[in-house]
């Protein structure tokens, strides 16, 4: 592995990864894997404008960091797990695997988590009243109850 000064391409990668809250050790490992370059955690950290080690960082890298961080924080749509359908599919796969392996406790726990997901337990939004403050509609019972005829037996 080469131990060299970071190219602009590698610096861009490092700055953007740090802006997305990746830890310096994770970024260093990714640089080694992606570019074949040994970058110490300290070298990576020196590209994070929020750290003291980055006091000499060029303004263009600070701007890139801030723009990337802003976009990252605003754009959760590109993160799969932020979508309910993605989470439910993952829970389905895990529950199927747990059940196939005979781990009913885990399967049950995953089913409960999926039910809570569908029921909105993992959101901050709770509807306590209906539209314009009116009562919530009463859900229709899925079971029809029949009155048995009273044949004189009481």
Protein backbone atom coordinates (compact mmCIF):
# COMPACT_ATOMS: atom_id res chain seq x y z
CA UNK A 1 0.00 0.00 0.00
CA UNK A 2 1.22 3.44 -0.91
CA UNK A 3 1.61 6.04 1.79
CA UNK A 4 1.31 9.37 0.01
CA UNK A 5 -0.19 12.83 0.11
CA UNK A 6 -3.93 12.70 -0.54
CA UNK A 7 -5.06 13.69 -4.02
CA UNK A 8 -8.00 16.03 -4.49
CA UNK A 9 -10.15 13.02 -5.38
CA UNK A 10 -9.31 11.31 -2.09
CA UNK A 11 -9.70 14.55 -0.12
CA UNK A 12 -13.15 15.03 -1.65
CA UNK A 13 -14.08 11.49 -0.62
CA UNK A 14 -12.77 12.03 2.92
CA UNK A 15 -14.44 15.41 3.43
CA UNK A 16 -17.79 14.17 2.15
CA UNK A 17 -17.67 11.01 4.25
CA UNK A 18 -16.89 13.04 7.37
CA UNK A 19 -19.71 15.45 6.52
CA UNK A 20 -22.04 12.44 6.51
CA UNK A 21 -20.99 11.67 10.10
CA UNK A 22 -18.75 8.70 9.26
CA UNK A 23 -16.13 8.18 11.98
CA UNK A 24 -12.50 8.93 11.01
CA UNK A 25 -11.52 5.28 11.55
CA UNK A 26 -14.31 4.14 9.20
CA UNK A 27 -13.25 6.71 6.58
CA UNK A 28 -9.59 5.66 6.87
CA UNK A 29 -10.55 2.02 6.26
CA UNK A 30 -12.72 3.03 3.29
CA UNK A 31 -9.86 5.07 1.77
CA UNK A 32 -7.60 2.04 2.05
CA UNK A 33 -10.21 -0.17 0.39
CA UNK A 34 -11.29 2.31 -2.33
CA UNK A 35 -7.97 3.94 -3.22
CA UNK A 36 -5.29 1.61 -1.82
CA UNK A 37 -3.90 4.44 0.31
CA UNK A 38 -2.97 4.17 3.99
CA UNK A 39 -4.54 7.19 5.66
CA UNK A 40 -4.30 7.41 9.42
CA UNK A 41 -7.31 8.30 11.49
CA UNK A 42 -5.51 11.53 12.42
CA UNK A 43 -4.93 12.44 8.77
CA UNK A 44 -8.60 11.84 8.01
CA UNK A 45 -9.67 13.86 11.06
CA UNK A 46 -7.59 16.79 9.82
CA UNK A 47 -10.19 17.18 7.03
CA UNK A 48 -13.11 17.77 9.41
CA UNK A 49 -13.57 21.53 9.88
CA UNK A 50 -15.29 20.88 13.23
CA UNK A 51 -12.07 19.46 14.67
CA UNK A 52 -9.10 21.40 16.00
CA UNK A 53 -6.82 19.29 13.80
CA UNK A 54 -8.38 20.92 10.70
CA UNK A 55 -7.34 24.48 11.56
CA UNK A 56 -5.21 24.68 8.39
CA UNK A 57 -7.87 23.17 6.09
CA UNK A 58 -8.33 25.11 2.83
CA UNK A 59 -11.59 27.09 2.52
CA UNK A 60 -12.77 25.01 -0.47
CA UNK A 61 -12.79 21.88 1.68
CA UNK A 62 -14.70 23.67 4.44
CA UNK A 63 -17.32 24.79 1.90
CA UNK A 64 -17.58 21.25 0.49
CA UNK A 65 -17.99 19.87 4.02
CA UNK A 66 -20.77 22.35 4.90
CA UNK A 67 -22.65 21.83 1.61
CA UNK A 68 -22.41 18.05 1.92
CA UNK A 69 -23.54 18.09 5.56
CA UNK A 70 -26.51 20.35 4.74
CA UNK A 71 -27.59 18.11 1.85
CA UNK A 72 -27.11 14.99 3.95
CA UNK A 73 -29.26 16.31 6.79
CA UNK A 74 -32.01 17.51 4.45
CA UNK A 75 -32.10 14.50 2.16
CA UNK A 76 -33.21 11.47 4.11
CA UNK A 77 -35.12 10.22 1.04
CA UNK A 78 -31.92 8.69 -0.32
CA UNK A 79 -31.44 6.60 2.84
CA UNK A 80 -33.39 3.40 2.37
CA UNK A 81 -34.08 2.66 6.01
CA UNK A 82 -35.83 6.02 6.39
CA UNK A 83 -38.76 4.56 4.43
CA UNK A 84 -41.39 2.45 6.18
CA UNK A 85 -41.68 0.01 3.26
CA UNK A 86 -37.95 -0.72 3.34
CA UNK A 87 -38.04 -1.33 7.09
CA UNK A 88 -41.05 -3.61 6.78
CA UNK A 89 -39.43 -5.65 3.99
CA UNK A 90 -36.31 -6.09 6.12
CA UNK A 91 -38.42 -7.12 9.12
CA UNK A 92 -40.28 -9.60 6.88
CA UNK A 93 -37.02 -11.20 5.75
CA UNK A 94 -35.74 -11.40 9.33
CA UNK A 95 -39.01 -12.84 10.67
CA UNK A 96 -39.11 -15.47 7.90
CA UNK A 97 -35.52 -16.48 8.63
CA UNK A 98 -36.11 -16.60 12.40
CA UNK A 99 -39.23 -18.73 11.93
CA UNK A 100 -37.47 -21.10 9.51
CA UNK A 101 -34.68 -21.54 12.06
CA UNK A 102 -37.22 -22.29 14.78
CA UNK A 103 -36.47 -19.12 16.75
CA UNK A 104 -40.06 -18.31 17.63
CA UNK A 105 -39.13 -15.77 20.32
CA UNK A 106 -37.23 -13.67 17.80
CA UNK A 107 -39.90 -14.18 15.12
CA UNK A 108 -42.56 -13.02 17.57
CA UNK A 109 -40.51 -9.98 18.53
CA UNK A 110 -40.03 -9.05 14.87
CA UNK A 111 -43.74 -9.46 14.16
CA UNK A 112 -44.52 -7.17 17.09
CA UNK A 113 -42.03 -4.60 15.79
CA UNK A 114 -43.62 -4.76 12.31
CA UNK A 115 -47.08 -4.27 13.82
CA UNK A 116 -45.84 -1.25 15.76
CA UNK A 117 -44.26 0.10 12.56
CA UNK A 118 -47.52 -0.20 10.66
CA UNK A 119 -49.47 1.22 13.58
CA UNK A 120 -47.31 4.33 13.61
CA UNK A 121 -45.59 3.66 16.92
CA UNK A 122 -42.30 4.91 15.50
CA UNK A 123 -43.53 8.36 14.50
CA UNK A 124 -43.96 11.54 16.50
CA UNK A 125 -47.37 12.11 14.99
CA UNK A 126 -50.41 11.04 16.95
CA UNK A 127 -53.94 11.89 15.83
CA UNK A 128 -56.09 12.38 18.89
CA UNK A 129 -59.02 14.07 17.17
CA UNK A 130 -60.58 13.89 13.74
CA UNK A 131 -60.68 16.62 11.14
CA UNK A 132 -61.37 20.08 12.59
CA UNK A 133 -61.31 18.69 16.12
CA UNK A 134 -64.30 16.36 15.62
CA UNK A 135 -64.42 12.83 17.02
CA UNK A 136 -62.38 10.18 15.28
CA UNK A 137 -64.45 7.85 13.10
CA UNK A 138 -65.31 4.57 14.81
CA UNK A 139 -63.65 1.69 12.98
CA UNK A 140 -66.09 -0.79 11.46
CA UNK A 141 -65.93 -4.14 13.18
CA UNK A 142 -64.67 -6.87 10.85
CA UNK A 143 -66.96 -9.33 12.62
CA UNK A 144 -70.73 -9.22 12.14
CA UNK A 145 -72.62 -10.14 15.28
CA UNK A 146 -75.90 -11.94 14.76
CA UNK A 147 -78.69 -12.08 17.28
CA UNK A 148 -79.82 -15.65 17.73
CA UNK A 149 -83.57 -16.05 17.81
CA UNK A 150 -85.03 -16.66 21.21
CA UNK A 151 -87.08 -19.85 20.84
CA UNK A 152 -88.82 -19.37 24.10
CA UNK A 153 -85.76 -20.59 25.99
CA UNK A 154 -84.53 -18.10 28.48
